[in-house]
PDB file of all heavy atoms in Angstrom:
ATOM      1  N   SER A   1     -96.370 112.736 -36.080  1.00  0.00           N
ATOM      2  CA  SER A   1     -97.618 112.419 -36.772  1.00  0.00           C
ATOM      3  C   SER A   1     -97.355 111.666 -38.072  1.00  0.00           C
ATOM      4  O   SER A   1     -98.153 110.828 -38.486  1.00  0.00           O
ATOM      5  CB  SER A   1     -98.411 113.705 -37.057  1.00  0.00           C
ATOM      6  OG  SER A   1     -97.826 114.460 -38.108  1.00  0.00           O
ATOM      7  N   LEU A   2     -96.218 111.933 -38.705  1.00  0.00           N
ATOM      8  CA  LEU A   2     -95.873 111.226 -39.938  1.00  0.00           C
ATOM      9  C   LEU A   2     -95.593 109.747 -39.647  1.00  0.00           C
ATOM     10  O   LEU A   2     -95.949 108.869 -40.442  1.00  0.00           O
ATOM     11  CB  LEU A   2     -94.646 111.876 -40.586  1.00  0.00           C
ATOM     12  CG  LEU A   2     -94.825 113.335 -41.052  1.00  0.00           C
ATOM     13  CD1 LEU A   2     -93.492 113.889 -41.546  1.00  0.00           C
ATOM     14  CD2 LEU A   2     -95.887 113.430 -42.140  1.00  0.00           C
ATOM     15  N   ILE A   3     -94.971 109.487 -38.514  1.00  0.00           N
ATOM     16  CA  ILE A   3     -94.721 108.099 -38.104  1.00  0.00           C
ATOM     17  C   ILE A   3     -96.041 107.394 -37.808  1.00  0.00           C
ATOM     18  O   ILE A   3     -96.265 106.246 -38.206  1.00  0.00           O
ATOM     19  CB  ILE A   3     -93.794 108.067 -36.871  1.00  0.00           C
ATOM     20  CG1 ILE A   3     -92.452 108.732 -37.213  1.00  0.00           C
ATOM     21  CG2 ILE A   3     -93.581 106.639 -36.378  1.00  0.00           C
ATOM     22  CD1 ILE A   3     -91.569 109.008 -36.007  1.00  0.00           C
ATOM     23  N   LEU A   4     -96.937 108.104 -37.117  1.00  0.00           N
ATOM     24  CA  LEU A   4     -98.249 107.537 -36.806  1.00  0.00           C
ATOM     25  C   LEU A   4     -99.042 107.249 -38.082  1.00  0.00           C
ATOM     26  O   LEU A   4     -99.653 106.182 -38.221  1.00  0.00           O
ATOM     27  CB  LEU A   4     -99.032 108.504 -35.915  1.00  0.00           C
ATOM     28  CG  LEU A   4     -98.497 108.687 -34.490  1.00  0.00           C
ATOM     29  CD1 LEU A   4     -99.227 109.832 -33.798  1.00  0.00           C
ATOM     30  CD2 LEU A   4     -98.648 107.401 -33.691  1.00  0.00           C
ATOM     31  N   LYS A   5     -99.027 108.184 -39.008  1.00  0.00           N
ATOM     32  CA  LYS A   5     -99.758 107.992 -40.273  1.00  0.00           C
ATOM     33  C   LYS A   5     -99.248 106.771 -41.029  1.00  0.00           C
ATOM     34  O   LYS A   5    -100.020 106.036 -41.637  1.00  0.00           O
ATOM     35  CB  LYS A   5     -99.624 109.244 -41.147  1.00  0.00           C
ATOM     36  CG  LYS A   5    -100.420 110.437 -40.674  1.00  0.00           C
ATOM     37  CD  LYS A   5    -100.189 111.640 -41.590  1.00  0.00           C
ATOM     38  CE  LYS A   5    -100.956 112.864 -41.134  1.00  0.00           C
ATOM     39  NZ  LYS A   5    -100.694 114.035 -42.009  1.00  0.00           N
ATOM     40  N   TYR A   6     -97.954 106.583 -40.984  1.00  0.00           N
ATOM     41  CA  TYR A   6     -97.357 105.445 -41.691  1.00  0.00           C
ATOM     42  C   TYR A   6     -97.850 104.125 -41.100  1.00  0.00           C
ATOM     43  O   TYR A   6     -98.212 103.198 -41.834  1.00  0.00           O
ATOM     44  CB  TYR A   6     -95.839 105.537 -41.596  1.00  0.00           C
ATOM     45  CG  TYR A   6     -95.096 104.439 -42.305  1.00  0.00           C
ATOM     46  CD1 TYR A   6     -95.008 104.407 -43.690  1.00  0.00           C
ATOM     47  CD2 TYR A   6     -94.460 103.427 -41.581  1.00  0.00           C
ATOM     48  CE1 TYR A   6     -94.318 103.403 -44.344  1.00  0.00           C
ATOM     49  CE2 TYR A   6     -93.765 102.418 -42.223  1.00  0.00           C
ATOM     50  CZ  TYR A   6     -93.695 102.415 -43.604  1.00  0.00           C
ATOM     51  OH  TYR A   6     -93.012 101.411 -44.250  1.00  0.00           O
ATOM     52  N   MET A   7     -97.881 104.029 -39.777  1.00  0.00           N
ATOM     53  CA  MET A   7     -98.357 102.797 -39.147  1.00  0.00           C
ATOM     54  C   MET A   7     -99.849 102.585 -39.405  1.00  0.00           C
ATOM     55  O   MET A   7    -100.301 101.462 -39.641  1.00  0.00           O
ATOM     56  CB  MET A   7     -98.066 102.832 -37.649  1.00  0.00           C
ATOM     57  CG  MET A   7     -96.585 102.753 -37.316  1.00  0.00           C
ATOM     58  SD  MET A   7     -96.282 102.500 -35.559  1.00  0.00           S
ATOM     59  CE  MET A   7     -96.815 104.083 -34.898  1.00  0.00           C
ATOM     60  N   VAL A   8    -100.612 103.663 -39.357  1.00  0.00           N
ATOM     61  CA  VAL A   8    -102.049 103.565 -39.621  1.00  0.00           C
ATOM     62  C   VAL A   8    -102.290 103.100 -41.061  1.00  0.00           C
ATOM     63  O   VAL A   8    -103.193 102.302 -41.327  1.00  0.00           O
ATOM     64  CB  VAL A   8    -102.747 104.913 -39.359  1.00  0.00           C
ATOM     65  CG1 VAL A   8    -104.176 104.902 -39.896  1.00  0.00           C
ATOM     66  CG2 VAL A   8    -102.748 105.223 -37.870  1.00  0.00           C
ATOM     67  N   LYS A   9    -101.478 103.594 -41.983  1.00  0.00           N
ATOM     68  CA  LYS A   9    -101.605 103.167 -43.382  1.00  0.00           C
ATOM     69  C   LYS A   9    -101.434 101.661 -43.506  1.00  0.00           C
ATOM     70  O   LYS A   9    -102.169 100.986 -44.233  1.00  0.00           O
ATOM     71  CB  LYS A   9    -100.568 103.894 -44.242  1.00  0.00           C
ATOM     72  CG  LYS A   9    -100.624 103.512 -45.713  1.00  0.00           C
ATOM     73  CD  LYS A   9     -99.559 104.255 -46.519  1.00  0.00           C
ATOM     74  CE  LYS A   9     -99.592 103.853 -47.992  1.00  0.00           C
ATOM     75  NZ  LYS A   9     -98.539 104.566 -48.763  1.00  0.00           N
ATOM     76  N   GLY A  10    -100.452 101.119 -42.778  1.00  0.00           N
ATOM     77  CA  GLY A  10    -100.249  99.678 -42.788  1.00  0.00           C
ATOM     78  C   GLY A  10    -101.455  98.931 -42.251  1.00  0.00           C
ATOM     79  O   GLY A  10    -101.857  97.895 -42.786  1.00  0.00           O
ATOM     80  N   ALA A  11    -102.055  99.467 -41.182  1.00  0.00           N
ATOM     81  CA  ALA A  11    -103.239  98.840 -40.599  1.00  0.00           C
ATOM     82  C   ALA A  11    -104.400  98.868 -41.587  1.00  0.00           C
ATOM     83  O   ALA A  11    -105.140  97.881 -41.739  1.00  0.00           O
ATOM     84  CB  ALA A  11    -103.618  99.548 -39.304  1.00  0.00           C
ATOM     85  N   GLU A  12    -104.562  99.987 -42.256  1.00  0.00           N
ATOM     86  CA  GLU A  12    -105.659 100.110 -43.228  1.00  0.00           C
ATOM     87  C   GLU A  12    -105.453  99.179 -44.403  1.00  0.00           C
ATOM     88  O   GLU A  12    -106.416  98.654 -44.960  1.00  0.00           O
ATOM     89  CB  GLU A  12    -105.777 101.561 -43.681  1.00  0.00           C
ATOM     90  CG  GLU A  12    -106.271 102.495 -42.571  1.00  0.00           C
ATOM     91  CD  GLU A  12    -106.273 103.947 -42.978  1.00  0.00           C
ATOM     92  OE1 GLU A  12    -105.571 104.294 -43.966  1.00  0.00           O
ATOM     93  OE2 GLU A  12    -106.954 104.755 -42.306  1.00  0.00           O
ATOM     94  N   MET A  13    -104.222  98.946 -44.797  1.00  0.00           N
ATOM     95  CA  MET A  13    -103.923  98.002 -45.881  1.00  0.00           C
ATOM     96  C   MET A  13    -104.302  96.577 -45.483  1.00  0.00           C
ATOM     97  O   MET A  13    -104.560  95.731 -46.343  1.00  0.00           O
ATOM     98  CB  MET A  13    -102.443  98.068 -46.231  1.00  0.00           C
ATOM     99  CG  MET A  13    -102.031  99.351 -46.945  1.00  0.00           C
ATOM    100  SD  MET A  13    -100.220  99.538 -47.104  1.00  0.00           S
ATOM    101  CE  MET A  13     -99.806  98.072 -48.044  1.00  0.00           C
ATOM    102  N   SER A  14    -104.345  96.331 -44.164  1.00  0.00           N
ATOM    103  CA  SER A  14    -104.720  95.004 -43.649  1.00  0.00           C
ATOM    104  C   SER A  14    -106.219  94.899 -43.367  1.00  0.00           C
ATOM    105  O   SER A  14    -106.672  93.893 -42.811  1.00  0.00           O
ATOM    106  CB  SER A  14    -103.936  94.698 -42.377  1.00  0.00           C
ATOM    107  OG  SER A  14    -102.544  94.734 -42.616  1.00  0.00           O
ATOM    108  N   GLY A  15    -106.959  95.951 -43.708  1.00  0.00           N
ATOM    109  CA  GLY A  15    -108.402  95.916 -43.529  1.00  0.00           C
ATOM    110  C   GLY A  15    -108.912  96.537 -42.251  1.00  0.00           C
ATOM    111  O   GLY A  15    -110.103  96.457 -41.949  1.00  0.00           O
ATOM    112  N   HIS A  16    -108.031  97.183 -41.488  1.00  0.00           N
ATOM    113  CA  HIS A  16    -108.445  97.830 -40.250  1.00  0.00           C
ATOM    114  C   HIS A  16    -108.862  99.276 -40.516  1.00  0.00           C
ATOM    115  O   HIS A  16    -108.328  99.932 -41.413  1.00  0.00           O
ATOM    116  CB  HIS A  16    -107.304  97.825 -39.232  1.00  0.00           C
ATOM    117  CG  HIS A  16    -106.868  96.454 -38.825  1.00  0.00           C
ATOM    118  ND1 HIS A  16    -107.453  95.772 -37.772  1.00  0.00           N
ATOM    119  CD2 HIS A  16    -105.910  95.632 -39.331  1.00  0.00           C
ATOM    120  CE1 HIS A  16    -106.866  94.592 -37.645  1.00  0.00           C
ATOM    121  NE2 HIS A  16    -105.938  94.485 -38.583  1.00  0.00           N
ATOM    122  N   GLU A  17    -109.791  99.744 -39.731  1.00  0.00           N
ATOM    123  CA  GLU A  17    -110.192 101.149 -39.782  1.00  0.00           C
ATOM    124  C   GLU A  17    -109.792 101.785 -38.462  1.00  0.00           C
ATOM    125  O   GLU A  17    -110.470 101.633 -37.446  1.00  0.00           O
ATOM    126  CB  GLU A  17    -111.698 101.287 -40.002  1.00  0.00           C
ATOM    127  CG  GLU A  17    -112.157 102.723 -40.174  1.00  0.00           C
ATOM    128  CD  GLU A  17    -113.646 102.849 -40.454  1.00  0.00           C
ATOM    129  OE1 GLU A  17    -114.314 101.808 -40.629  1.00  0.00           O
ATOM    130  OE2 GLU A  17    -114.134 103.990 -40.478  1.00  0.00           O
ATOM    131  N   VAL A  18    -108.667 102.470 -38.474  1.00  0.00           N
ATOM    132  CA  VAL A  18    -108.091 103.011 -37.243  1.00  0.00           C
ATOM    133  C   VAL A  18    -108.573 104.437 -37.028  1.00  0.00           C
ATOM    134  O   VAL A  18    -108.323 105.317 -37.850  1.00  0.00           O
ATOM    135  CB  VAL A  18    -106.551 102.982 -37.293  1.00  0.00           C
ATOM    136  CG1 VAL A  18    -105.974 103.499 -35.974  1.00  0.00           C
ATOM    137  CG2 VAL A  18    -106.053 101.579 -37.585  1.00  0.00           C
ATOM    138  N   LYS A  19    -109.254 104.644 -35.910  1.00  0.00           N
ATOM    139  CA  LYS A  19    -109.718 105.985 -35.547  1.00  0.00           C
ATOM    140  C   LYS A  19    -109.436 106.278 -34.080  1.00  0.00           C
ATOM    141  O   LYS A  19    -108.790 107.257 -33.731  1.00  0.00           O
ATOM    142  CB  LYS A  19    -111.215 106.121 -35.840  1.00  0.00           C
ATOM    143  CG  LYS A  19    -111.760 107.531 -35.565  1.00  0.00           C
ATOM    144  CD  LYS A  19    -111.111 108.572 -36.465  1.00  0.00           C
ATOM    145  CE  LYS A  19    -111.715 109.949 -36.231  1.00  0.00           C
ATOM    146  NZ  LYS A  19    -111.057 110.995 -37.048  1.00  0.00           N
ATOM    147  N   ASP A  20    -109.959 105.424 -33.207  1.00  0.00           N
ATOM    148  CA  ASP A  20    -109.789 105.615 -31.763  1.00  0.00           C
ATOM    149  C   ASP A  20    -108.520 104.907 -31.295  1.00  0.00           C
ATOM    150  O   ASP A  20    -108.349 103.710 -31.529  1.00  0.00           O
ATOM    151  CB  ASP A  20    -110.995 105.068 -31.004  1.00  0.00           C
ATOM    152  CG  ASP A  20    -112.278 105.794 -31.383  1.00  0.00           C
ATOM    153  OD1 ASP A  20    -112.299 107.031 -31.286  1.00  0.00           O
ATOM    154  OD2 ASP A  20    -113.234 105.124 -31.799  1.00  0.00           O
ATOM    155  N   VAL A  21    -107.646 105.662 -30.627  1.00  0.00           N
ATOM    156  CA  VAL A  21    -106.365 105.085 -30.219  1.00  0.00           C
ATOM    157  C   VAL A  21    -106.002 105.499 -28.796  1.00  0.00           C
ATOM    158  O   VAL A  21    -106.489 106.500 -28.269  1.00  0.00           O
ATOM    159  CB  VAL A  21    -105.215 105.520 -31.158  1.00  0.00           C
ATOM    160  CG1 VAL A  21    -105.491 105.101 -32.583  1.00  0.00           C
ATOM    161  CG2 VAL A  21    -104.978 107.025 -31.069  1.00  0.00           C
ATOM    162  N   VAL A  22    -105.141 104.697 -28.202  1.00  0.00           N
ATOM    163  CA  VAL A  22    -104.472 105.020 -26.939  1.00  0.00           C
ATOM    164  C   VAL A  22    -102.984 105.008 -27.238  1.00  0.00           C
ATOM    165  O   VAL A  22    -102.472 104.056 -27.837  1.00  0.00           O
ATOM    166  CB  VAL A  22    -104.805 103.988 -25.844  1.00  0.00           C
ATOM    167  CG1 VAL A  22    -103.952 104.232 -24.613  1.00  0.00           C
ATOM    168  CG2 VAL A  22    -106.282 104.054 -25.481  1.00  0.00           C
ATOM    169  N   ILE A  23    -102.288 106.060 -26.867  1.00  0.00           N
ATOM    170  CA  ILE A  23    -100.854 106.166 -27.121  1.00  0.00           C
ATOM    171  C   ILE A  23    -100.117 106.137 -25.785  1.00  0.00           C
ATOM    172  O   ILE A  23    -100.517 106.818 -24.834  1.00  0.00           O
ATOM    173  CB  ILE A  23    -100.510 107.463 -27.873  1.00  0.00           C
ATOM    174  CG1 ILE A  23    -101.307 107.552 -29.188  1.00  0.00           C
ATOM    175  CG2 ILE A  23     -99.010 107.530 -28.167  1.00  0.00           C
ATOM    176  CD1 ILE A  23    -101.089 108.851 -29.947  1.00  0.00           C
ATOM    177  N   THR A  24     -99.071 105.361 -25.721  1.00  0.00           N
ATOM    178  CA  THR A  24     -98.308 105.276 -24.474  1.00  0.00           C
ATOM    179  C   THR A  24     -97.159 106.286 -24.454  1.00  0.00           C
ATOM    180  O   THR A  24     -96.668 106.724 -25.490  1.00  0.00           O
ATOM    181  CB  THR A  24     -97.729 103.862 -24.266  1.00  0.00           C
ATOM    182  OG1 THR A  24     -96.858 103.543 -25.360  1.00  0.00           O
ATOM    183  CG2 THR A  24     -98.840 102.837 -24.179  1.00  0.00           C
ATOM    184  N   CYS A  25     -96.740 106.643 -23.243  1.00  0.00           N
ATOM    185  CA  CYS A  25     -95.610 107.557 -23.062  1.00  0.00           C
ATOM    186  C   CYS A  25     -94.900 107.186 -21.769  1.00  0.00           C
ATOM    187  O   CYS A  25     -95.466 106.512 -20.915  1.00  0.00           O
ATOM    188  CB  CYS A  25     -96.080 109.015 -23.028  1.00  0.00           C
ATOM    189  SG  CYS A  25     -96.883 109.489 -21.478  1.00  0.00           S
ATOM    190  N   PRO A  26     -93.657 107.614 -21.582  1.00  0.00           N
ATOM    191  CA  PRO A  26     -92.948 107.330 -20.332  1.00  0.00           C
ATOM    192  C   PRO A  26     -93.671 107.939 -19.129  1.00  0.00           C
ATOM    193  O   PRO A  26     -94.295 108.998 -19.238  1.00  0.00           O
ATOM    194  CB  PRO A  26     -91.584 108.002 -20.539  1.00  0.00           C
ATOM    195  CG  PRO A  26     -91.415 108.051 -22.027  1.00  0.00           C
ATOM    196  CD  PRO A  26     -92.789 108.292 -22.568  1.00  0.00           C
ATOM    197  N   ALA A  27     -93.559 107.298 -17.987  1.00  0.00           N
ATOM    198  CA  ALA A  27     -94.241 107.789 -16.780  1.00  0.00           C
ATOM    199  C   ALA A  27     -93.710 109.152 -16.358  1.00  0.00           C
ATOM    200  O   ALA A  27     -94.428 109.944 -15.742  1.00  0.00           O
ATOM    201  CB  ALA A  27     -94.074 106.785 -15.642  1.00  0.00           C
ATOM    202  N   TYR A  28     -92.458 109.450 -16.688  1.00  0.00           N
ATOM    203  CA  TYR A  28     -91.862 110.714 -16.257  1.00  0.00           C
ATOM    204  C   TYR A  28     -92.149 111.864 -17.227  1.00  0.00           C
ATOM    205  O   TYR A  28     -91.686 112.973 -17.010  1.00  0.00           O
ATOM    206  CB  TYR A  28     -90.359 110.568 -16.056  1.00  0.00           C
ATOM    207  CG  TYR A  28     -89.614 110.056 -17.269  1.00  0.00           C
ATOM    208  CD1 TYR A  28     -89.272 110.911 -18.313  1.00  0.00           C
ATOM    209  CD2 TYR A  28     -89.263 108.721 -17.377  1.00  0.00           C
ATOM    210  CE1 TYR A  28     -88.610 110.452 -19.424  1.00  0.00           C
ATOM    211  CE2 TYR A  28     -88.603 108.247 -18.487  1.00  0.00           C
ATOM    212  CZ  TYR A  28     -88.274 109.115 -19.504  1.00  0.00           C
ATOM    213  OH  TYR A  28     -87.620 108.639 -20.612  1.00  0.00           O
ATOM    214  N   PHE A  29     -92.903 111.621 -18.299  1.00  0.00           N
ATOM    215  CA  PHE A  29     -93.279 112.702 -19.208  1.00  0.00           C
ATOM    216  C   PHE A  29     -94.069 113.756 -18.447  1.00  0.00           C
ATOM    217  O   PHE A  29     -94.987 113.427 -17.690  1.00  0.00           O
ATOM    218  CB  PHE A  29     -94.141 112.154 -20.347  1.00  0.00           C
ATOM    219  CG  PHE A  29     -93.399 112.000 -21.655  1.00  0.00           C
ATOM    220  CD1 PHE A  29     -92.032 111.800 -21.681  1.00  0.00           C
ATOM    221  CD2 PHE A  29     -94.068 112.059 -22.866  1.00  0.00           C
ATOM    222  CE1 PHE A  29     -91.350 111.651 -22.884  1.00  0.00           C
ATOM    223  CE2 PHE A  29     -93.407 111.928 -24.067  1.00  0.00           C
ATOM    224  CZ  PHE A  29     -92.044 111.722 -24.083  1.00  0.00           C
ATOM    225  N   ASN A  30     -93.723 115.026 -18.645  1.00  0.00           N
ATOM    226  CA  ASN A  30     -94.487 116.093 -18.005  1.00  0.00           C
ATOM    227  C   ASN A  30     -95.708 116.444 -18.835  1.00  0.00           C
ATOM    228  O   ASN A  30     -95.967 115.838 -19.885  1.00  0.00           O
ATOM    229  CB  ASN A  30     -93.596 117.326 -17.761  1.00  0.00           C
ATOM    230  CG  ASN A  30     -93.025 117.894 -19.044  1.00  0.00           C
ATOM    231  OD1 ASN A  30     -93.645 117.862 -20.106  1.00  0.00           O
ATOM    232  ND2 ASN A  30     -91.814 118.434 -18.965  1.00  0.00           N
ATOM    233  N   GLU A  31     -96.466 117.432 -18.381  1.00  0.00           N
ATOM    234  CA  GLU A  31     -97.725 117.762 -19.051  1.00  0.00           C
ATOM    235  C   GLU A  31     -97.490 118.228 -20.484  1.00  0.00           C
ATOM    236  O   GLU A  31     -98.250 117.877 -21.394  1.00  0.00           O
ATOM    237  CB  GLU A  31     -98.463 118.857 -18.262  1.00  0.00           C
ATOM    238  CG  GLU A  31     -99.863 119.155 -18.777  1.00  0.00           C
ATOM    239  CD  GLU A  31    -100.813 117.969 -18.668  1.00  0.00           C
ATOM    240  OE1 GLU A  31    -100.549 117.057 -17.871  1.00  0.00           O
ATOM    241  OE2 GLU A  31    -101.823 117.956 -19.403  1.00  0.00           O
ATOM    242  N   ALA A  32     -96.445 119.024 -20.705  1.00  0.00           N
ATOM    243  CA  ALA A  32     -96.155 119.507 -22.057  1.00  0.00           C
ATOM    244  C   ALA A  32     -95.832 118.353 -22.997  1.00  0.00           C
ATOM    245  O   ALA A  32     -96.275 118.329 -24.159  1.00  0.00           O
ATOM    246  CB  ALA A  32     -94.990 120.490 -22.013  1.00  0.00           C
ATOM    247  N   GLU A  33     -95.081 117.378 -22.511  1.00  0.00           N
ATOM    248  CA  GLU A  33     -94.714 116.221 -23.333  1.00  0.00           C
ATOM    249  C   GLU A  33     -95.929 115.353 -23.632  1.00  0.00           C
ATOM    250  O   GLU A  33     -96.084 114.826 -24.742  1.00  0.00           O
ATOM    251  CB  GLU A  33     -93.628 115.414 -22.622  1.00  0.00           C
ATOM    252  CG  GLU A  33     -92.294 116.137 -22.533  1.00  0.00           C
ATOM    253  CD  GLU A  33     -91.336 115.492 -21.556  1.00  0.00           C
ATOM    254  OE1 GLU A  33     -91.780 115.087 -20.462  1.00  0.00           O
ATOM    255  OE2 GLU A  33     -90.135 115.418 -21.876  1.00  0.00           O
TER     256      GLU A  33
END
């Protein structure tokens, strides 16, 4: 979450309002992951 917050901060500095997101993960990730 700290990594995500850092990227969002950069987006907000560029004038973006980040709220709704889609996050990608490997296809082999299980439900817990």
